[in-house]
Structures are given as C-alpha cells and as structure tokens.
PDB file of N, CA and C in Angstrom:
ATOM      1  N   MET A   1      71.617 127.905 160.364  1.00  0.00           N
ATOM      2  CA  MET A   1      71.357 128.736 159.217  1.00  0.00           C
ATOM      3  C   MET A   1      72.450 129.784 159.091  1.00  0.00           C
ATOM      4  N   LYS A   2      73.019 129.894 157.900  1.00  0.00           N
ATOM      5  CA  LYS A   2      74.107 130.840 157.656  1.00  0.00           C
ATOM      6  C   LYS A   2      73.534 132.223 157.406  1.00  0.00           C
ATOM      7  N   LYS A   3      74.305 133.217 157.874  1.00  0.00           N
ATOM      8  CA  LYS A   3      73.904 134.595 157.581  1.00  0.00           C
ATOM      9  C   LYS A   3      74.233 134.895 156.135  1.00  0.00           C
ATOM     10  N   THR A   4      73.359 135.579 155.456  1.00  0.00           N
ATOM     11  CA  THR A   4      73.610 135.967 154.078  1.00  0.00           C
ATOM     12  C   THR A   4      73.266 137.428 153.890  1.00  0.00           C
ATOM     13  N   VAL A   5      73.891 138.008 152.887  1.00  0.00           N
ATOM     14  CA  VAL A   5      73.659 139.417 152.570  1.00  0.00           C
ATOM     15  C   VAL A   5      73.292 139.493 151.110  1.00  0.00           C
ATOM     16  N   LYS A   6      72.300 140.268 150.815  1.00  0.00           N
ATOM     17  CA  LYS A   6      71.939 140.450 149.416  1.00  0.00           C
ATOM     18  C   LYS A   6      72.923 141.419 148.781  1.00  0.00           C
ATOM     19  N   SER A   7      73.439 141.053 147.652  1.00  0.00           N
ATOM     20  CA  SER A   7      74.307 141.956 146.918  1.00  0.00           C
ATOM     21  C   SER A   7      73.621 142.298 145.621  1.00  0.00           C
ATOM     22  N   LYS A   8      74.344 142.856 144.703  1.00  0.00           N
ATOM     23  CA  LYS A   8      73.766 143.205 143.411  1.00  0.00           C
ATOM     24  C   LYS A   8      73.160 141.959 142.781  1.00  0.00           C
ATOM     25  N   GLY A   9      72.068 142.124 142.168  1.00  0.00           N
ATOM     26  CA  GLY A   9      71.393 140.983 141.562  1.00  0.00           C
ATOM     27  C   GLY A   9      70.566 140.262 142.611  1.00  0.00           C
ATOM     28  N   ALA A  10      70.131 139.075 142.297  1.00  0.00           N
ATOM     29  CA  ALA A  10      69.238 138.349 143.185  1.00  0.00           C
ATOM     30  C   ALA A  10      69.963 137.327 144.036  1.00  0.00           C
ATOM     31  N   ARG A  11      71.212 137.067 143.796  1.00  0.00           N
ATOM     32  CA  ARG A  11      71.885 136.001 144.540  1.00  0.00           C
ATOM     33  C   ARG A  11      72.296 136.485 145.923  1.00  0.00           C
ATOM     34  N   LYS A  12      72.409 135.543 146.831  1.00  0.00           N
ATOM     35  CA  LYS A  12      72.801 135.867 148.197  1.00  0.00           C
ATOM     36  C   LYS A  12      74.259 135.472 148.387  1.00  0.00           C
ATOM     37  N   VAL A  13      75.014 136.349 149.075  1.00  0.00           N
ATOM     38  CA  VAL A  13      76.431 136.114 149.321  1.00  0.00           C
ATOM     39  C   VAL A  13      76.621 135.929 150.814  1.00  0.00           C
ATOM     40  N   PRO A  14      77.333 134.876 151.236  1.00  0.00           N
ATOM     41  CA  PRO A  14      77.575 134.697 152.676  1.00  0.00           C
ATOM     42  C   PRO A  14      78.334 135.905 153.239  1.00  0.00           C
ATOM     43  N   VAL A  15      78.062 136.245 154.509  1.00  0.00           N
ATOM     44  CA  VAL A  15      78.667 137.408 155.160  1.00  0.00           C
ATOM     45  C   VAL A  15      80.194 137.302 155.141  1.00  0.00           C
ATOM     46  N   ARG A  16      80.709 136.096 155.397  1.00  0.00           N
ATOM     47  CA  ARG A  16      82.161 135.927 155.416  1.00  0.00           C
ATOM     48  C   ARG A  16      82.769 136.292 154.060  1.00  0.00           C
ATOM     49  N   MET A  17      82.145 135.908 152.997  1.00  0.00           N
ATOM     50  CA  MET A  17      82.617 136.236 151.656  1.00  0.00           C
ATOM     51  C   MET A  17      82.549 137.741 151.427  1.00  0.00           C
ATOM     52  N   LYS A  18      81.522 138.350 151.942  1.00  0.00           N
ATOM     53  CA  LYS A  18      81.360 139.798 151.784  1.00  0.00           C
ATOM     54  C   LYS A  18      82.539 140.519 152.448  1.00  0.00           C
ATOM     55  N   ARG A  19      82.928 140.067 153.641  1.00  0.00           N
ATOM     56  CA  ARG A  19      84.047 140.692 154.365  1.00  0.00           C
ATOM     57  C   ARG A  19      85.362 140.497 153.608  1.00  0.00           C
ATOM     58  N   VAL A  20      85.583 139.333 153.061  1.00  0.00           N
ATOM     59  CA  VAL A  20      86.802 139.053 152.303  1.00  0.00           C
ATOM     60  C   VAL A  20      86.859 139.953 151.080  1.00  0.00           C
ATOM     61  N   THR A  21      85.768 140.105 150.392  1.00  0.00           N
ATOM     62  CA  THR A  21      85.713 140.962 149.206  1.00  0.00           C
ATOM     63  C   THR A  21      86.015 142.408 149.584  1.00  0.00           C
ATOM     64  N   GLN A  22      85.440 142.870 150.680  1.00  0.00           N
ATOM     65  CA  GLN A  22      85.697 144.244 151.131  1.00  0.00           C
ATOM     66  C   GLN A  22      87.162 144.416 151.519  1.00  0.00           C
ATOM     67  N   ALA A  23      87.763 143.423 152.141  1.00  0.00           N
ATOM     68  CA  ALA A  23      89.167 143.503 152.535  1.00  0.00           C
ATOM     69  C   ALA A  23      90.059 143.583 151.294  1.00  0.00           C
ATOM     70  N   LYS A  24      89.711 142.814 150.262  1.00  0.00           N
ATOM     71  CA  LYS A  24      90.493 142.870 149.028  1.00  0.00           C
ATOM     72  C   LYS A  24      90.386 144.250 148.387  1.00  0.00           C
ATOM     73  N   LYS A  25      89.196 144.815 148.376  1.00  0.00           N
ATOM     74  CA  LYS A  25      89.018 146.156 147.817  1.00  0.00           C
ATOM     75  C   LYS A  25      89.822 147.165 148.609  1.00  0.00           C
ATOM     76  N   GLY A  26      89.815 147.016 149.949  1.00  0.00           N
ATOM     77  CA  GLY A  26      90.596 147.911 150.799  1.00  0.00           C
ATOM     78  C   GLY A  26      92.077 147.781 150.504  1.00  0.00           C
ATOM     79  N   GLY A  27      92.535 146.565 150.220  1.00  0.00           N
ATOM     80  CA  GLY A  27      93.939 146.352 149.869  1.00  0.00           C
ATOM     81  C   GLY A  27      94.298 147.035 148.565  1.00  0.00           C
ATOM     82  N   VAL A  28      93.399 146.944 147.611  1.00  0.00           N
ATOM     83  CA  VAL A  28      93.644 147.596 146.320  1.00  0.00           C
ATOM     84  C   VAL A  28      93.656 149.100 146.493  1.00  0.00           C
ATOM     85  N   ILE A  29      92.720 149.612 147.272  1.00  0.00           N
ATOM     86  CA  ILE A  29      92.668 151.060 147.499  1.00  0.00           C
ATOM     87  C   ILE A  29      93.926 151.516 148.227  1.00  0.00           C
ATOM     88  N   GLY A  30      94.373 150.733 149.228  1.00  0.00           N
ATOM     89  CA  GLY A  30      95.608 151.065 149.937  1.00  0.00           C
ATOM     90  C   GLY A  30      96.805 151.065 148.995  1.00  0.00           C
ATOM     91  N   TRP A  31      96.847 150.095 148.104  1.00  0.00           N
ATOM     92  CA  TRP A  31      97.931 149.998 147.124  1.00  0.00           C
ATOM     93  C   TRP A  31      97.902 151.198 146.192  1.00  0.00           C
ATOM     94  N   GLU A  32      96.707 151.581 145.763  1.00  0.00           N
ATOM     95  CA  GLU A  32      96.591 152.740 144.874  1.00  0.00           C
ATOM     96  C   GLU A  32      97.044 154.017 145.582  1.00  0.00           C
ATOM     97  N   LYS A  33      96.722 154.143 146.860  1.00  0.00           N
ATOM     98  CA  LYS A  33      97.163 155.319 147.630  1.00  0.00           C
ATOM     99  C   LYS A  33      98.682 155.336 147.738  1.00  0.00           C
ATOM    100  N   LYS A  34      99.257 154.165 148.003  1.00  0.00           N
ATOM    101  CA  LYS A  34     100.719 154.086 148.099  1.00  0.00           C
ATOM    102  C   LYS A  34     101.368 154.452 146.769  1.00  0.00           C
ATOM    103  N   MET A  35     100.792 153.974 145.677  1.00  0.00           N
ATOM    104  CA  MET A  35     101.330 154.299 144.358  1.00  0.00           C
ATOM    105  C   MET A  35     101.210 155.801 144.076  1.00  0.00           C
ATOM    106  N   ALA A  36     100.097 156.402 144.496  1.00  0.00           N
ATOM    107  CA  ALA A  36      99.920 157.838 144.291  1.00  0.00           C
ATOM    108  C   ALA A  36     100.979 158.617 145.063  1.00  0.00           C
ATOM    109  N   VAL A  37     101.255 158.189 146.285  1.00  0.00           N
ATOM    110  CA  VAL A  37     102.285 158.859 147.088  1.00  0.00           C
ATOM    111  C   VAL A  37     103.645 158.692 146.427  1.00  0.00           C
ATOM    112  N   LEU A  38     103.936 157.470 145.957  1.00  0.00           N
ATOM    113  CA  LEU A  38     105.219 157.240 145.283  1.00  0.00           C
ATOM    114  C   LEU A  38     105.342 158.076 144.015  1.00  0.00           C
ATOM    115  N   ARG A  39     104.237 158.221 143.276  1.00  0.00           N
ATOM    116  CA  ARG A  39     104.263 159.058 142.074  1.00  0.00           C
ATOM    117  C   ARG A  39     104.562 160.507 142.435  1.00  0.00           C
ATOM    118  N   GLU A  40     103.923 160.993 143.500  1.00  0.00           N
ATOM    119  CA  GLU A  40     104.165 162.379 143.929  1.00  0.00           C
ATOM    120  C   GLU A  40     105.623 162.576 144.320  1.00  0.00           C
ATOM    121  N   VAL A  41     106.174 161.620 145.065  1.00  0.00           N
ATOM    122  CA  VAL A  41     107.577 161.711 145.484  1.00  0.00           C
ATOM    123  C   VAL A  41     108.475 161.677 144.254  1.00  0.00           C
ATOM    124  N   SER A  42     108.180 160.777 143.335  1.00  0.00           N
ATOM    125  CA  SER A  42     108.977 160.677 142.113  1.00  0.00           C
ATOM    126  C   SER A  42     108.894 161.961 141.304  1.00  0.00           C
ATOM    127  N   ASN A  43     107.692 162.498 141.172  1.00  0.00           N
ATOM    128  CA  ASN A  43     107.523 163.742 140.424  1.00  0.00           C
ATOM    129  C   ASN A  43     108.281 164.888 141.080  1.00  0.00           C
ATOM    130  N   ALA A  44     108.279 164.923 142.412  1.00  0.00           N
ATOM    131  CA  ALA A  44     109.020 165.961 143.123  1.00  0.00           C
ATOM    132  C   ALA A  44     110.523 165.812 142.870  1.00  0.00           C
ATOM    133  N   LYS A  45     111.010 164.580 142.895  1.00  0.00           N
ATOM    134  CA  LYS A  45     112.432 164.341 142.636  1.00  0.00           C
ATOM    135  C   LYS A  45     112.790 164.727 141.205  1.00  0.00           C
ATOM    136  N   ILE A  46     111.911 164.372 140.270  1.00  0.00           N
ATOM    137  CA  ILE A  46     112.155 164.709 138.865  1.00  0.00           C
ATOM    138  C   ILE A  46     112.202 166.219 138.698  1.00  0.00           C
ATOM    139  N   LYS A  47     111.267 166.919 139.311  1.00  0.00           N
ATOM    140  CA  LYS A  47     111.220 168.386 139.214  1.00  0.00           C
ATOM    141  C   LYS A  47     112.499 168.987 139.794  1.00  0.00           C
ATOM    142  N   LYS A  48     112.941 168.453 140.936  1.00  0.00           N
ATOM    143  CA  LYS A  48     114.164 168.944 141.568  1.00  0.00           C
ATOM    144  C   LYS A  48     115.369 168.724 140.651  1.00  0.00           C
ATOM    145  N   LEU A  49     115.447 167.543 140.031  1.00  0.00           N
ATOM    146  CA  LEU A  49     116.553 167.247 139.125  1.00  0.00           C
ATOM    147  C   LEU A  49     116.501 168.117 137.868  1.00  0.00           C
ATOM    148  N   GLU A  50     115.294 168.380 137.378  1.00  0.00           N
ATOM    149  CA  GLU A  50     115.162 169.252 136.208  1.00  0.00           C
ATOM    150  C   GLU A  50     115.649 170.660 136.525  1.00  0.00           C
ATOM    151  N   LEU A  51     115.298 171.167 137.717  1.00  0.00           N
ATOM    152  CA  LEU A  51     115.761 172.492 138.123  1.00  0.00           C
ATOM    153  C   LEU A  51     117.281 172.520 138.261  1.00  0.00           C
ATOM    154  N   GLU A  52     117.845 171.462 138.819  1.00  0.00           N
ATOM    155  CA  GLU A  52     119.302 171.365 138.958  1.00  0.00           C
ATOM    156  C   GLU A  52     119.963 171.337 137.577  1.00  0.00           C
ATOM    157  N   LEU A  53     119.357 170.612 136.647  1.00  0.00           N
ATOM    158  CA  LEU A  53     119.885 170.545 135.285  1.00  0.00           C
ATOM    159  C   LEU A  53     119.859 171.916 134.622  1.00  0.00           C
ATOM    160  N   ILE A  54     118.773 172.647 134.790  1.00  0.00           N
ATOM    161  CA  ILE A  54     118.675 173.999 134.228  1.00  0.00           C
ATOM    162  C   ILE A  54     119.752 174.900 134.827  1.00  0.00           C
ATOM    163  N   ARG A  55     119.934 174.813 136.152  1.00  0.00           N
ATOM    164  CA  ARG A  55     120.944 175.629 136.822  1.00  0.00           C
ATOM    165  C   ARG A  55     122.339 175.306 136.292  1.00  0.00           C
ATOM    166  N   LEU A  56     122.636 174.029 136.141  1.00  0.00           N
ATOM    167  CA  LEU A  56     123.953 173.629 135.651  1.00  0.00           C
ATOM    168  C   LEU A  56     124.173 174.058 134.200  1.00  0.00           C
ATOM    169  N   ARG A  57     123.132 173.982 133.378  1.00  0.00           N
ATOM    170  CA  ARG A  57     123.263 174.434 131.990  1.00  0.00           C
ATOM    171  C   ARG A  57     123.555 175.932 131.940  1.00  0.00           C
ATOM    172  N   GLU A  58     122.826 176.705 132.752  1.00  0.00           N
ATOM    173  CA  GLU A  58     123.057 178.154 132.776  1.00  0.00           C
ATOM    174  C   GLU A  58     124.462 178.470 133.265  1.00  0.00           C
ATOM    175  N   GLU A  59     124.905 177.751 134.288  1.00  0.00           N
ATOM    176  CA  GLU A  59     126.263 177.955 134.813  1.00  0.00           C
ATOM    177  C   GLU A  59     127.300 177.611 133.743  1.00  0.00           C
ATOM    178  N   ASN A  60     127.070 176.532 133.016  1.00  0.00           N
ATOM    179  CA  ASN A  60     127.970 176.112 131.955  1.00  0.00           C
ATOM    180  C   ASN A  60     128.029 177.165 130.835  1.00  0.00           C
ATOM    181  N   GLU A  61     126.875 177.684 130.441  1.00  0.00           N
ATOM    182  CA  GLU A  61     126.835 178.717 129.405  1.00  0.00           C
ATOM    183  C   GLU A  61     127.593 179.966 129.858  1.00  0.00           C
ATOM    184  N   TYR A  62     127.407 180.364 131.124  1.00  0.00           N
ATOM    185  CA  TYR A  62     128.100 181.527 131.658  1.00  0.00           C
ATOM    186  C   TYR A  62     129.618 181.314 131.622  1.00  0.00           C
ATOM    187  N   LYS A  63     130.060 180.142 132.045  1.00  0.00           N
ATOM    188  CA  LYS A  63     131.498 179.860 132.051  1.00  0.00           C
ATOM    189  C   LYS A  63     132.054 179.818 130.631  1.00  0.00           C
ATOM    190  N   ASN A  64     131.283 179.272 129.701  1.00  0.00           N
ATOM    191  CA  ASN A  64     131.727 179.245 128.304  1.00  0.00           C
ATOM    192  C   ASN A  64     131.873 180.661 127.748  1.00  0.00           C
ATOM    193  N   ARG A  65     130.942 181.556 128.084  1.00  0.00           N
ATOM    194  CA  ARG A  65     131.048 182.952 127.635  1.00  0.00           C
ATOM    195  C   ARG A  65     132.285 183.618 128.228  1.00  0.00           C
ATOM    196  N   ARG A  66     132.546 183.357 129.517  1.00  0.00           N
ATOM    197  CA  ARG A  66     133.741 183.926 130.150  1.00  0.00           C
ATOM    198  C   ARG A  66     135.008 183.411 129.487  1.00  0.00           C
ATOM    199  N   LEU A  67     135.042 182.113 129.196  1.00  0.00           N
ATOM    200  CA  LEU A  67     136.226 181.535 128.542  1.00  0.00           C
ATOM    201  C   LEU A  67     136.421 182.100 127.140  1.00  0.00           C
ATOM    202  N   ALA A  68     135.336 182.274 126.411  1.00  0.00           N
ATOM    203  CA  ALA A  68     135.434 182.850 125.067  1.00  0.00           C
ATOM    204  C   ALA A  68     135.960 184.280 125.150  1.00  0.00           C
ATOM    205  N   SER A  69     135.482 185.028 126.123  1.00  0.00           N
ATOM    206  CA  SER A  69     135.958 186.401 126.311  1.00  0.00           C
ATOM    207  C   SER A  69     137.447 186.412 126.659  1.00  0.00           C
ATOM    208  N   LYS A  70     137.849 185.508 127.530  1.00  0.00           N
ATOM    209  CA  LYS A  70     139.256 185.420 127.929  1.00  0.00           C
ATOM    210  C   LYS A  70     140.115 185.015 126.731  1.00  0.00           C
ATOM    211  N   ASP A  71     139.629 184.092 125.899  1.00  0.00           N
ATOM    212  CA  ASP A  71     140.357 183.692 124.694  1.00  0.00           C
ATOM    213  C   ASP A  71     140.575 184.878 123.767  1.00  0.00           C
ATOM    214  N   MET A  72     139.529 185.684 123.586  1.00  0.00           N
ATOM    215  CA  MET A  72     139.659 186.856 122.719  1.00  0.00           C
ATOM    216  C   MET A  72     140.665 187.848 123.298  1.00  0.00           C
ATOM    217  N   GLU A  73     140.621 188.017 124.610  1.00  0.00           N
ATOM    218  CA  GLU A  73     141.550 188.929 125.280  1.00  0.00           C
ATOM    219  C   GLU A  73     142.990 188.444 125.097  1.00  0.00           C
ATOM    220  N   LEU A  74     143.220 187.152 125.285  1.00  0.00           N
ATOM    221  CA  LEU A  74     144.569 186.597 125.129  1.00  0.00           C
ATOM    222  C   LEU A  74     145.046 186.679 123.685  1.00  0.00           C
ATOM    223  N   GLU A  75     144.154 186.459 122.735  1.00  0.00           N
ATOM    224  CA  GLU A  75     144.514 186.562 121.326  1.00  0.00           C
ATOM    225  C   GLU A  75     144.923 187.998 120.974  1.00  0.00           C
ATOM    226  N   THR A  76     144.187 188.963 121.497  1.00  0.00           N
ATOM    227  CA  THR A  76     144.528 190.368 121.275  1.00  0.00           C
ATOM    228  C   THR A  76     145.892 190.694 121.892  1.00  0.00           C
ATOM    229  N   TYR A  77     146.123 190.203 123.114  1.00  0.00           N
ATOM    230  CA  TYR A  77     147.398 190.426 123.793  1.00  0.00           C
ATOM    231  C   TYR A  77     148.537 189.802 122.994  1.00  0.00           C
ATOM    232  N   ARG A  78     148.335 188.575 122.488  1.00  0.00           N
ATOM    233  CA  ARG A  78     149.366 187.893 121.701  1.00  0.00           C
ATOM    234  C   ARG A  78     149.710 188.700 120.438  1.00  0.00           C
ATOM    235  N   LYS A  79     148.704 189.186 119.752  1.00  0.00           N
ATOM    236  CA  LYS A  79     148.947 189.974 118.539  1.00  0.00           C
ATOM    237  C   LYS A  79     149.692 191.257 118.867  1.00  0.00           C
ATOM    238  N   THR A  80     149.334 191.896 119.970  1.00  0.00           N
ATOM    239  CA  THR A  80     150.010 193.127 120.386  1.00  0.00           C
ATOM    240  C   THR A  80     151.478 192.851 120.695  1.00  0.00           C
ATOM    241  N   MET A  81     151.726 191.761 121.415  1.00  0.00           N
ATOM    242  CA  MET A  81     153.109 191.411 121.766  1.00  0.00           C
ATOM    243  C   MET A  81     153.915 191.046 120.522  1.00  0.00           C
ATOM    244  N   GLU A  82     153.313 190.321 119.585  1.00  0.00           N
ATOM    245  CA  GLU A  82     154.028 189.988 118.352  1.00  0.00           C
ATOM    246  C   GLU A  82     154.389 191.256 117.587  1.00  0.00           C
ATOM    247  N   GLU A  83     153.496 192.211 117.568  1.00  0.00           N
ATOM    248  CA  GLU A  83     153.758 193.485 116.888  1.00  0.00           C
ATOM    249  C   GLU A  83     154.909 194.224 117.570  1.00  0.00           C
ATOM    250  N   LYS A  84     154.924 194.232 118.912  1.00  0.00           N
ATOM    251  CA  LYS A  84     156.009 194.902 119.640  1.00  0.00           C
ATOM    252  C   LYS A  84     157.338 194.203 119.387  1.00  0.00           C
ATOM    253  N   VAL A  85     157.339 192.863 119.383  1.00  0.00           N
ATOM    254  CA  VAL A  85     158.564 192.109 119.105  1.00  0.00           C
ATOM    255  C   VAL A  85     159.064 192.432 117.701  1.00  0.00           C
ATOM    256  N   PHE A  86     158.175 192.490 116.733  1.00  0.00           N
ATOM    257  CA  PHE A  86     158.540 192.820 115.363  1.00  0.00           C
ATOM    258  C   PHE A  86     159.167 194.214 115.286  1.00  0.00           C
ATOM    259  N   GLN A  87     158.556 195.180 115.982  1.00  0.00           N
ATOM    260  CA  GLN A  87     159.093 196.550 115.997  1.00  0.00           C
ATOM    261  C   GLN A  87     160.469 196.591 116.651  1.00  0.00           C
ATOM    262  N   LEU A  88     160.639 195.855 117.753  1.00  0.00           N
ATOM    263  CA  LEU A  88     161.945 195.835 118.424  1.00  0.00           C
ATOM    264  C   LEU A  88     163.005 195.164 117.553  1.00  0.00           C
ATOM    265  N   GLN A  89     162.657 194.125 116.862  1.00  0.00           N
ATOM    266  CA  GLN A  89     163.602 193.473 115.960  1.00  0.00           C
ATOM    267  C   GLN A  89     164.008 194.424 114.840  1.00  0.00           C
ATOM    268  N   ALA A  90     163.048 195.176 114.336  1.00  0.00           N
ATOM    269  CA  ALA A  90     163.347 196.138 113.282  1.00  0.00           C
ATOM    270  C   ALA A  90     164.286 197.226 113.828  1.00  0.00           C
ATOM    271  N   LYS A  91     164.077 197.682 115.057  1.00  0.00           N
ATOM    272  CA  LYS A  91     164.909 198.706 115.670  1.00  0.00           C
ATOM    273  C   LYS A  91     166.335 198.169 115.885  1.00  0.00           C
ATOM    274  N   VAL A  92     166.472 196.918 116.298  1.00  0.00           N
ATOM    275  CA  VAL A  92     167.793 196.307 116.521  1.00  0.00           C
ATOM    276  C   VAL A  92     168.527 196.240 115.191  1.00  0.00           C
ATOM    277  N   LYS A  93     167.864 195.831 114.151  1.00  0.00           N
ATOM    278  CA  LYS A  93     168.497 195.758 112.837  1.00  0.00           C
ATOM    279  C   LYS A  93     168.941 197.152 112.381  1.00  0.00           C
ATOM    280  N   GLU A  94     168.101 198.137 112.646  1.00  0.00           N
ATOM    281  CA  GLU A  94     168.392 199.503 112.238  1.00  0.00           C
ATOM    282  C   GLU A  94     169.629 200.031 112.969  1.00  0.00           C
ATOM    283  N   LEU A  95     169.681 199.770 114.289  1.00  0.00           N
ATOM    284  CA  LEU A  95     170.802 200.261 115.082  1.00  0.00           C
ATOM    285  C   LEU A  95     172.068 199.438 114.862  1.00  0.00           C
ATOM    286  N   GLY A  96     171.932 198.169 114.674  1.00  0.00           N
ATOM    287  CA  GLY A  96     173.111 197.308 114.524  1.00  0.00           C
ATOM    288  C   GLY A  96     173.571 197.179 113.080  1.00  0.00           C
ATOM    289  N   GLY A  97     172.768 197.479 112.196  1.00  0.00           N
ATOM    290  CA  GLY A  97     173.035 197.175 110.833  1.00  0.00           C
ATOM    291  C   GLY A  97     173.617 198.167 109.975  1.00  0.00           C
TER     292      GLY A  97
END
C-alpha cells in the first residue's frame, strides 16, 4: 500500500509527488531570492553611476564657467593691448612725421 497525503480538495497525492512539488516550489523561491539580490545589486550600481554622473556634470559646469571667465579676461586683455598699440603707433607717427 502506497503512502498518500491529502491535499487541497478530495484527491490523494502520493508522498513522493508531494516532495517533488515542494522541491520545485523551493527552487522557485530560491530563484526569486536570487533575482531580488541581483536587483538590489543592480540598483546599487545604478545609484552609484547616477551619483558619478551628477558629480561629473557639476565638475563640467564648473570648468565651463572658469573657461568662460578666462575667455572674458583674455578678450579684455586683447582689447587693452590693441588700444596701447594704436596709441603707440599714433605717437610714432607724431614724432616721426
């Protein structure tokens, strides 16, 4: 006589089948746990990359502001030098002419 276990409903399920079913459920649960861990790791990596992206954007904006400031400074210097050259040329013409 085979051992049987009553499951949901009125039908009887052999014990061996019951163990196989439980093992399959355990496999699915194990797989779901592994997927949850992988999701957490992935989310952590994504968060880390997002923070790195924010840092790089801020660094880029800072460098762009510095370059714009330097450009303005050089443009002012160029205009000043052109004015001095113009004045010196006028003085040379005045003295030589």
